[in-house]
PDB file of N, CA and C in Angstrom:
ATOM      1  N   MET A   1       0.834  -1.174   0.000  1.00  0.00           N
ATOM      2  CA  MET A   1       0.000   0.000   0.000  1.00  0.00           C
ATOM      3  C   MET A   1       0.886   1.248   0.000  1.00  0.00           C
ATOM      4  N   GLU A   2       0.561   2.207  -0.870  1.00  0.00           N
ATOM      5  CA  GLU A   2       1.355   3.425  -1.004  1.00  0.00           C
ATOM      6  C   GLU A   2       0.899   4.458   0.013  1.00  0.00           C
ATOM      7  N   TYR A   3       1.871   5.124   0.683  1.00  0.00           N
ATOM      8  CA  TYR A   3       1.563   6.138   1.679  1.00  0.00           C
ATOM      9  C   TYR A   3       1.171   7.435   0.975  1.00  0.00           C
ATOM     10  N   GLU A   4       0.060   7.996   1.380  1.00  0.00           N
ATOM     11  CA  GLU A   4      -0.411   9.255   0.815  1.00  0.00           C
ATOM     12  C   GLU A   4      -0.171  10.350   1.838  1.00  0.00           C
ATOM     13  N   ASN A   5       0.529  11.411   1.453  1.00  0.00           N
ATOM     14  CA  ASN A   5       0.884  12.486   2.362  1.00  0.00           C
ATOM     15  C   ASN A   5      -0.216  13.546   2.371  1.00  0.00           C
ATOM     16  N   VAL A   6      -1.269  13.292   3.158  1.00  0.00           N
ATOM     17  CA  VAL A   6      -2.410  14.197   3.241  1.00  0.00           C
ATOM     18  C   VAL A   6      -2.711  14.456   4.712  1.00  0.00           C
ATOM     19  N   SER A   7      -2.973  15.740   5.056  1.00  0.00           N
ATOM     20  CA  SER A   7      -3.279  16.088   6.443  1.00  0.00           C
ATOM     21  C   SER A   7      -4.714  15.701   6.786  1.00  0.00           C
ATOM     22  N   GLU A   8      -5.068  15.885   8.055  1.00  0.00           N
ATOM     23  CA  GLU A   8      -6.425  15.575   8.498  1.00  0.00           C
ATOM     24  C   GLU A   8      -7.462  16.445   7.796  1.00  0.00           C
ATOM     25  N   THR A   9      -7.061  17.634   7.336  1.00  0.00           N
ATOM     26  CA  THR A   9      -7.988  18.530   6.650  1.00  0.00           C
ATOM     27  C   THR A   9      -8.127  18.165   5.177  1.00  0.00           C
ATOM     28  N   GLY A  10      -7.371  17.166   4.724  1.00  0.00           N
ATOM     29  CA  GLY A  10      -7.457  16.750   3.335  1.00  0.00           C
ATOM     30  C   GLY A  10      -6.492  17.486   2.421  1.00  0.00           C
ATOM     31  N   GLU A  11      -5.656  18.361   2.988  1.00  0.00           N
ATOM     32  CA  GLU A  11      -4.692  19.101   2.185  1.00  0.00           C
ATOM     33  C   GLU A  11      -3.314  18.462   2.293  1.00  0.00           C
ATOM     34  N   ASN A  12      -2.531  18.649   1.245  1.00  0.00           N
ATOM     35  CA  ASN A  12      -1.167  18.154   1.223  1.00  0.00           C
ATOM     36  C   ASN A  12      -0.317  19.091   2.080  1.00  0.00           C
ATOM     37  N   PRO A  13       0.306  18.597   3.167  1.00  0.00           N
ATOM     38  CA  PRO A  13       1.083  19.481   4.041  1.00  0.00           C
ATOM     39  C   PRO A  13       2.268  20.133   3.319  1.00  0.00           C
ATOM     40  N   GLU A  14       2.829  19.491   2.320  1.00  0.00           N
ATOM     41  CA  GLU A  14       3.933  20.074   1.562  1.00  0.00           C
ATOM     42  C   GLU A  14       3.437  21.288   0.761  1.00  0.00           C
ATOM     43  N   LEU A  15       2.190  21.230   0.309  1.00  0.00           N
ATOM     44  CA  LEU A  15       1.608  22.335  -0.436  1.00  0.00           C
ATOM     45  C   LEU A  15       1.233  23.487   0.492  1.00  0.00           C
ATOM     46  N   GLU A  16       0.855  23.166   1.724  1.00  0.00           N
ATOM     47  CA  GLU A  16       0.456  24.194   2.686  1.00  0.00           C
ATOM     48  C   GLU A  16       1.560  25.210   2.924  1.00  0.00           C
ATOM     49  N   VAL A  17       2.804  24.831   2.765  1.00  0.00           N
ATOM     50  CA  VAL A  17       3.942  25.720   2.988  1.00  0.00           C
ATOM     51  C   VAL A  17       3.901  26.925   2.055  1.00  0.00           C
ATOM     52  N   ILE A  18       3.383  26.759   0.841  1.00  0.00           N
ATOM     53  CA  ILE A  18       3.392  27.847  -0.137  1.00  0.00           C
ATOM     54  C   ILE A  18       2.059  28.566  -0.280  1.00  0.00           C
ATOM     55  N   LEU A  19       1.013  28.099   0.377  1.00  0.00           N
ATOM     56  CA  LEU A  19      -0.314  28.672   0.185  1.00  0.00           C
ATOM     57  C   LEU A  19      -0.434  30.122   0.625  1.00  0.00           C
ATOM     58  N   ASP A  20       0.410  30.597   1.528  1.00  0.00           N
ATOM     59  CA  ASP A  20       0.362  31.985   1.982  1.00  0.00           C
ATOM     60  C   ASP A  20       1.425  32.865   1.321  1.00  0.00           C
ATOM     61  N   VAL A  21       2.155  32.328   0.342  1.00  0.00           N
ATOM     62  CA  VAL A  21       3.156  33.120  -0.372  1.00  0.00           C
ATOM     63  C   VAL A  21       2.428  34.133  -1.251  1.00  0.00           C
ATOM     64  N   MET A  22       2.847  35.391  -1.165  1.00  0.00           N
ATOM     65  CA  MET A  22       2.237  36.462  -1.946  1.00  0.00           C
ATOM     66  C   MET A  22       2.850  36.499  -3.344  1.00  0.00           C
ATOM     67  N   VAL A  23       1.999  36.672  -4.369  1.00  0.00           N
ATOM     68  CA  VAL A  23       2.457  36.809  -5.749  1.00  0.00           C
ATOM     69  C   VAL A  23       1.829  38.069  -6.335  1.00  0.00           C
ATOM     70  N   ASP A  24       2.506  38.665  -7.311  1.00  0.00           N
ATOM     71  CA  ASP A  24       1.964  39.839  -7.989  1.00  0.00           C
ATOM     72  C   ASP A  24       0.966  39.381  -9.039  1.00  0.00           C
ATOM     73  N   VAL A  25      -0.255  39.915  -8.975  1.00  0.00           N
ATOM     74  CA  VAL A  25      -1.307  39.598  -9.933  1.00  0.00           C
ATOM     75  C   VAL A  25      -1.586  40.866 -10.733  1.00  0.00           C
ATOM     76  N   THR A  26      -1.481  40.774 -12.063  1.00  0.00           N
ATOM     77  CA  THR A  26      -1.718  41.935 -12.919  1.00  0.00           C
ATOM     78  C   THR A  26      -2.663  41.562 -14.048  1.00  0.00           C
ATOM     79  N   GLY A  27      -3.333  42.567 -14.558  1.00  0.00           N
ATOM     80  CA  GLY A  27      -4.200  42.392 -15.719  1.00  0.00           C
ATOM     81  C   GLY A  27      -3.670  43.243 -16.858  1.00  0.00           C
ATOM     82  N   SER A  28      -3.649  42.670 -18.051  1.00  0.00           N
ATOM     83  CA  SER A  28      -3.139  43.387 -19.217  1.00  0.00           C
ATOM     84  C   SER A  28      -4.266  43.596 -20.223  1.00  0.00           C
ATOM     85  N   LEU A  29      -4.587  44.873 -20.473  1.00  0.00           N
ATOM     86  CA  LEU A  29      -5.637  45.215 -21.433  1.00  0.00           C
ATOM     87  C   LEU A  29      -5.160  45.095 -22.865  1.00  0.00           C
ATOM     88  N   GLY A  30      -3.895  45.319 -23.101  1.00  0.00           N
ATOM     89  CA  GLY A  30      -3.369  45.287 -24.458  1.00  0.00           C
ATOM     90  C   GLY A  30      -2.025  45.968 -24.521  1.00  0.00           C
ATOM     91  N   SER A  31      -1.545  46.162 -25.733  1.00  0.00           N
ATOM     92  CA  SER A  31      -0.235  46.770 -25.915  1.00  0.00           C
ATOM     93  C   SER A  31      -0.205  47.517 -27.243  1.00  0.00           C
ATOM     94  N   CYS A  32       0.840  48.267 -27.417  1.00  0.00           N
ATOM     95  CA  CYS A  32       1.082  48.953 -28.685  1.00  0.00           C
ATOM     96  C   CYS A  32       2.577  49.199 -28.798  1.00  0.00           C
ATOM     97  N   ARG A  33       2.985  49.638 -29.943  1.00  0.00           N
ATOM     98  CA  ARG A  33       4.391  49.943 -30.179  1.00  0.00           C
ATOM     99  C   ARG A  33       4.501  51.439 -30.446  1.00  0.00           C
ATOM    100  N   MET A  34       5.448  52.079 -29.782  1.00  0.00           N
ATOM    101  CA  MET A  34       5.630  53.520 -29.932  1.00  0.00           C
ATOM    102  C   MET A  34       7.110  53.827 -30.111  1.00  0.00           C
ATOM    103  N   SER A  35       7.379  54.893 -30.851  1.00  0.00           N
ATOM    104  CA  SER A  35       8.760  55.350 -30.960  1.00  0.00           C
ATOM    105  C   SER A  35       9.119  56.095 -29.680  1.00  0.00           C
ATOM    106  N   MET A  36      10.402  56.237 -29.415  1.00  0.00           N
ATOM    107  CA  MET A  36      10.835  56.989 -28.238  1.00  0.00           C
ATOM    108  C   MET A  36      10.360  58.434 -28.329  1.00  0.00           C
ATOM    109  N   ARG A  37      10.268  58.994 -29.535  1.00  0.00           N
ATOM    110  CA  ARG A  37       9.769  60.364 -29.712  1.00  0.00           C
ATOM    111  C   ARG A  37       8.335  60.456 -29.198  1.00  0.00           C
ATOM    112  N   GLU A  38       7.501  59.438 -29.558  1.00  0.00           N
ATOM    113  CA  GLU A  38       6.112  59.429 -29.093  1.00  0.00           C
ATOM    114  C   GLU A  38       6.038  59.272 -27.576  1.00  0.00           C
ATOM    115  N   VAL A  39       6.903  58.436 -27.022  1.00  0.00           N
ATOM    116  CA  VAL A  39       6.925  58.233 -25.568  1.00  0.00           C
ATOM    117  C   VAL A  39       7.295  59.532 -24.866  1.00  0.00           C
ATOM    118  N   LEU A  40       8.294  60.242 -25.390  1.00  0.00           N
ATOM    119  CA  LEU A  40       8.722  61.497 -24.770  1.00  0.00           C
ATOM    120  C   LEU A  40       7.668  62.592 -24.904  1.00  0.00           C
ATOM    121  N   ASP A  41       6.790  62.466 -25.901  1.00  0.00           N
ATOM    122  CA  ASP A  41       5.725  63.446 -26.107  1.00  0.00           C
ATOM    123  C   ASP A  41       4.483  63.162 -25.257  1.00  0.00           C
ATOM    124  N   LEU A  42       4.467  62.047 -24.506  1.00  0.00           N
ATOM    125  CA  LEU A  42       3.307  61.726 -23.674  1.00  0.00           C
ATOM    126  C   LEU A  42       3.111  62.797 -22.610  1.00  0.00           C
ATOM    127  N   ALA A  43       1.861  63.152 -22.384  1.00  0.00           N
ATOM    128  CA  ALA A  43       1.508  64.162 -21.386  1.00  0.00           C
ATOM    129  C   ALA A  43       0.083  63.875 -20.917  1.00  0.00           C
ATOM    130  N   PRO A  44      -0.316  64.468 -19.802  1.00  0.00           N
ATOM    131  CA  PRO A  44      -1.701  64.281 -19.365  1.00  0.00           C
ATOM    132  C   PRO A  44      -2.668  64.667 -20.483  1.00  0.00           C
ATOM    133  N   GLY A  45      -3.631  63.810 -20.729  1.00  0.00           N
ATOM    134  CA  GLY A  45      -4.612  64.046 -21.785  1.00  0.00           C
ATOM    135  C   GLY A  45      -4.285  63.336 -23.091  1.00  0.00           C
ATOM    136  N   THR A  46      -3.044  62.835 -23.231  1.00  0.00           N
ATOM    137  CA  THR A  46      -2.664  62.096 -24.431  1.00  0.00           C
ATOM    138  C   THR A  46      -3.409  60.767 -24.465  1.00  0.00           C
ATOM    139  N   LEU A  47      -3.951  60.405 -25.617  1.00  0.00           N
ATOM    140  CA  LEU A  47      -4.595  59.104 -25.786  1.00  0.00           C
ATOM    141  C   LEU A  47      -3.610  58.145 -26.427  1.00  0.00           C
ATOM    142  N   VAL A  48      -3.506  56.962 -25.872  1.00  0.00           N
ATOM    143  CA  VAL A  48      -2.646  55.917 -26.422  1.00  0.00           C
ATOM    144  C   VAL A  48      -3.562  54.794 -26.889  1.00  0.00           C
ATOM    145  N   GLN A  49      -3.561  54.529 -28.189  1.00  0.00           N
ATOM    146  CA  GLN A  49      -4.425  53.488 -28.739  1.00  0.00           C
ATOM    147  C   GLN A  49      -3.704  52.143 -28.692  1.00  0.00           C
ATOM    148  N   LEU A  50      -4.350  51.180 -28.061  1.00  0.00           N
ATOM    149  CA  LEU A  50      -3.801  49.826 -27.975  1.00  0.00           C
ATOM    150  C   LEU A  50      -4.251  49.021 -29.184  1.00  0.00           C
ATOM    151  N   LYS A  51      -3.511  47.948 -29.485  1.00  0.00           N
ATOM    152  CA  LYS A  51      -3.858  47.098 -30.628  1.00  0.00           C
ATOM    153  C   LYS A  51      -5.104  46.254 -30.371  1.00  0.00           C
ATOM    154  N   ASN A  52      -5.366  45.984 -29.118  1.00  0.00           N
ATOM    155  CA  ASN A  52      -6.477  45.095 -28.776  1.00  0.00           C
ATOM    156  C   ASN A  52      -7.825  45.773 -28.995  1.00  0.00           C
ATOM    157  N   LYS A  53      -8.801  44.953 -29.382  1.00  0.00           N
ATOM    158  CA  LYS A  53     -10.172  45.431 -29.554  1.00  0.00           C
ATOM    159  C   LYS A  53     -10.907  45.305 -28.224  1.00  0.00           C
ATOM    160  N   VAL A  54     -12.000  46.016 -28.108  1.00  0.00           N
ATOM    161  CA  VAL A  54     -12.807  45.991 -26.886  1.00  0.00           C
ATOM    162  C   VAL A  54     -13.277  44.566 -26.578  1.00  0.00           C
ATOM    163  N   THR A  55     -13.520  43.770 -27.612  1.00  0.00           N
ATOM    164  CA  THR A  55     -14.027  42.411 -27.417  1.00  0.00           C
ATOM    165  C   THR A  55     -12.924  41.395 -27.107  1.00  0.00           C
ATOM    166  N   ASP A  56     -11.650  41.783 -27.248  1.00  0.00           N
ATOM    167  CA  ASP A  56     -10.543  40.866 -26.949  1.00  0.00           C
ATOM    168  C   ASP A  56     -10.460  40.624 -25.444  1.00  0.00           C
ATOM    169  N   PRO A  57     -10.089  39.409 -25.042  1.00  0.00           N
ATOM    170  CA  PRO A  57      -9.963  39.148 -23.605  1.00  0.00           C
ATOM    171  C   PRO A  57      -8.754  39.863 -23.019  1.00  0.00           C
ATOM    172  N   VAL A  58      -8.832  40.179 -21.729  1.00  0.00           N
ATOM    173  CA  VAL A  58      -7.674  40.693 -21.017  1.00  0.00           C
ATOM    174  C   VAL A  58      -6.905  39.503 -20.467  1.00  0.00           C
ATOM    175  N   ILE A  59      -5.627  39.698 -20.223  1.00  0.00           N
ATOM    176  CA  ILE A  59      -4.776  38.611 -19.747  1.00  0.00           C
ATOM    177  C   ILE A  59      -4.501  38.820 -18.260  1.00  0.00           C
ATOM    178  N   LEU A  60      -4.691  37.780 -17.469  1.00  0.00           N
ATOM    179  CA  LEU A  60      -4.379  37.799 -16.053  1.00  0.00           C
ATOM    180  C   LEU A  60      -3.032  37.106 -15.870  1.00  0.00           C
ATOM    181  N   CYS A  61      -2.084  37.791 -15.231  1.00  0.00           N
ATOM    182  CA  CYS A  61      -0.739  37.246 -15.045  1.00  0.00           C
ATOM    183  C   CYS A  61      -0.408  37.125 -13.565  1.00  0.00           C
ATOM    184  N   LEU A  62       0.326  36.081 -13.230  1.00  0.00           N
ATOM    185  CA  LEU A  62       0.889  35.902 -11.895  1.00  0.00           C
ATOM    186  C   LEU A  62       2.398  35.984 -12.049  1.00  0.00           C
ATOM    187  N   ASN A  63       3.006  36.950 -11.386  1.00  0.00           N
ATOM    188  CA  ASN A  63       4.447  37.177 -11.521  1.00  0.00           C
ATOM    189  C   ASN A  63       4.855  37.251 -12.995  1.00  0.00           C
ATOM    190  N   ASN A  64       4.109  38.010 -13.776  1.00  0.00           N
ATOM    191  CA  ASN A  64       4.359  38.254 -15.209  1.00  0.00           C
ATOM    192  C   ASN A  64       4.186  37.038 -16.108  1.00  0.00           C
ATOM    193  N   LYS A  65       3.575  35.973 -15.619  1.00  0.00           N
ATOM    194  CA  LYS A  65       3.308  34.793 -16.440  1.00  0.00           C
ATOM    195  C   LYS A  65       1.799  34.680 -16.650  1.00  0.00           C
ATOM    196  N   PRO A  66       1.345  34.642 -17.916  1.00  0.00           N
ATOM    197  CA  PRO A  66      -0.097  34.536 -18.185  1.00  0.00           C
ATOM    198  C   PRO A  66      -0.676  33.229 -17.635  1.00  0.00           C
ATOM    199  N   VAL A  67      -1.771  33.344 -16.890  1.00  0.00           N
ATOM    200  CA  VAL A  67      -2.418  32.153 -16.333  1.00  0.00           C
ATOM    201  C   VAL A  67      -3.888  32.049 -16.719  1.00  0.00           C
ATOM    202  N   ALA A  68      -4.489  33.183 -17.144  1.00  0.00           N
ATOM    203  CA  ALA A  68      -5.911  33.146 -17.480  1.00  0.00           C
ATOM    204  C   ALA A  68      -6.259  34.297 -18.423  1.00  0.00           C
ATOM    205  N   ARG A  69      -7.433  34.166 -19.056  1.00  0.00           N
ATOM    206  CA  ARG A  69      -7.998  35.232 -19.881  1.00  0.00           C
ATOM    207  C   ARG A  69      -9.383  35.545 -19.332  1.00  0.00           C
ATOM    208  N   GLY A  70      -9.830  36.770 -19.556  1.00  0.00           N
ATOM    209  CA  GLY A  70     -11.137  37.113 -19.031  1.00  0.00           C
ATOM    210  C   GLY A  70     -11.690  38.405 -19.581  1.00  0.00           C
ATOM    211  N   GLU A  71     -12.774  38.837 -18.966  1.00  0.00           N
ATOM    212  CA  GLU A  71     -13.484  40.058 -19.361  1.00  0.00           C
ATOM    213  C   GLU A  71     -13.348  41.095 -18.261  1.00  0.00           C
ATOM    214  N   VAL A  72     -13.258  42.358 -18.654  1.00  0.00           N
ATOM    215  CA  VAL A  72     -13.207  43.444 -17.679  1.00  0.00           C
ATOM    216  C   VAL A  72     -14.599  43.623 -17.077  1.00  0.00           C
ATOM    217  N   VAL A  73     -14.651  43.735 -15.753  1.00  0.00           N
ATOM    218  CA  VAL A  73     -15.890  44.005 -15.037  1.00  0.00           C
ATOM    219  C   VAL A  73     -15.623  45.142 -14.053  1.00  0.00           C
ATOM    220  N   VAL A  74     -16.688  45.765 -13.572  1.00  0.00           N
ATOM    221  CA  VAL A  74     -16.566  46.812 -12.565  1.00  0.00           C
ATOM    222  C   VAL A  74     -17.155  46.276 -11.273  1.00  0.00           C
ATOM    223  N   ILE A  75     -16.361  46.368 -10.189  1.00  0.00           N
ATOM    224  CA  ILE A  75     -16.785  45.883  -8.877  1.00  0.00           C
ATOM    225  C   ILE A  75     -16.593  47.031  -7.886  1.00  0.00           C
ATOM    226  N   ASN A  76     -17.690  47.590  -7.376  1.00  0.00           N
ATOM    227  CA  ASN A  76     -17.607  48.693  -6.404  1.00  0.00           C
ATOM    228  C   ASN A  76     -16.671  49.802  -6.873  1.00  0.00           C
ATOM    229  N   ASP A  77     -16.869  50.309  -8.066  1.00  0.00           N
ATOM    230  CA  ASP A  77     -16.072  51.393  -8.644  1.00  0.00           C
ATOM    231  C   ASP A  77     -14.619  51.023  -8.914  1.00  0.00           C
ATOM    232  N   CYS A  78     -14.283  49.744  -8.933  1.00  0.00           N
ATOM    233  CA  CYS A  78     -12.929  49.283  -9.273  1.00  0.00           C
ATOM    234  C   CYS A  78     -13.031  48.316 -10.445  1.00  0.00           C
ATOM    235  N   PHE A  79     -11.952  48.238 -11.218  1.00  0.00           N
ATOM    236  CA  PHE A  79     -11.917  47.262 -12.297  1.00  0.00           C
ATOM    237  C   PHE A  79     -11.627  45.878 -11.735  1.00  0.00           C
ATOM    238  N   GLY A  80     -12.146  44.867 -12.398  1.00  0.00           N
ATOM    239  CA  GLY A  80     -11.863  43.489 -12.058  1.00  0.00           C
ATOM    240  C   GLY A  80     -11.803  42.671 -13.331  1.00  0.00           C
ATOM    241  N   ILE A  81     -11.457  41.406 -13.205  1.00  0.00           N
ATOM    242  CA  ILE A  81     -11.407  40.499 -14.356  1.00  0.00           C
ATOM    243  C   ILE A  81     -12.232  39.269 -14.024  1.00  0.00           C
ATOM    244  N   LYS A  82     -13.221  38.989 -14.858  1.00  0.00           N
ATOM    245  CA  LYS A  82     -14.010  37.775 -14.734  1.00  0.00           C
ATOM    246  C   LYS A  82     -13.327  36.729 -15.615  1.00  0.00           C
ATOM    247  N   ILE A  83     -12.773  35.702 -15.000  1.00  0.00           N
ATOM    248  CA  ILE A  83     -12.009  34.682 -15.735  1.00  0.00           C
ATOM    249  C   ILE A  83     -12.945  33.857 -16.596  1.00  0.00           C
ATOM    250  N   THR A  84     -12.609  33.769 -17.882  1.00  0.00           N
ATOM    251  CA  THR A  84     -13.392  32.983 -18.821  1.00  0.00           C
ATOM    252  C   THR A  84     -12.644  31.747 -19.305  1.00  0.00           C
ATOM    253  N   GLU A  85     -11.318  31.758 -19.127  1.00  0.00           N
ATOM    254  CA  GLU A  85     -10.525  30.639 -19.626  1.00  0.00           C
ATOM    255  C   GLU A  85      -9.158  30.617 -18.923  1.00  0.00           C
ATOM    256  N   MET A  86      -8.702  29.425 -18.581  1.00  0.00           N
ATOM    257  CA  MET A  86      -7.366  29.266 -18.006  1.00  0.00           C
ATOM    258  C   MET A  86      -6.377  29.026 -19.143  1.00  0.00           C
ATOM    259  N   VAL A  87      -5.187  29.586 -19.027  1.00  0.00           N
ATOM    260  CA  VAL A  87      -4.155  29.406 -20.040  1.00  0.00           C
ATOM    261  C   VAL A  87      -3.439  28.094 -19.761  1.00  0.00           C
ATOM    262  N   GLU A  88      -3.319  27.260 -20.767  1.00  0.00           N
ATOM    263  CA  GLU A  88      -2.628  25.985 -20.602  1.00  0.00           C
ATOM    264  C   GLU A  88      -1.125  26.222 -20.610  1.00  0.00           C
ATOM    265  N   GLN A  89      -0.435  25.598 -19.683  1.00  0.00           N
ATOM    266  CA  GLN A  89       1.033  25.751 -19.592  1.00  0.00           C
ATOM    267  C   GLN A  89       1.711  24.659 -20.378  1.00  0.00           C
TER     268      GLN A  89
END
């Protein structure tokens, strides 16, 4: 019989060590390419057009690695991401 390393709560104790580790979570609406001249000309009120369309999913990243795609939602006057698909690694 093979020994299974599971705690009384049903969780793997080896995994419990990392469950409270903080990671940076970011959402990416899109991107564009600009010349340095355009970057230096940026000022309040400047509009920067991204390549992505309004219907394109946003990317959710953990420590700069894409893990999911989703839709932008508003939650209590803040932006959020409703996950629609997990990114396969």
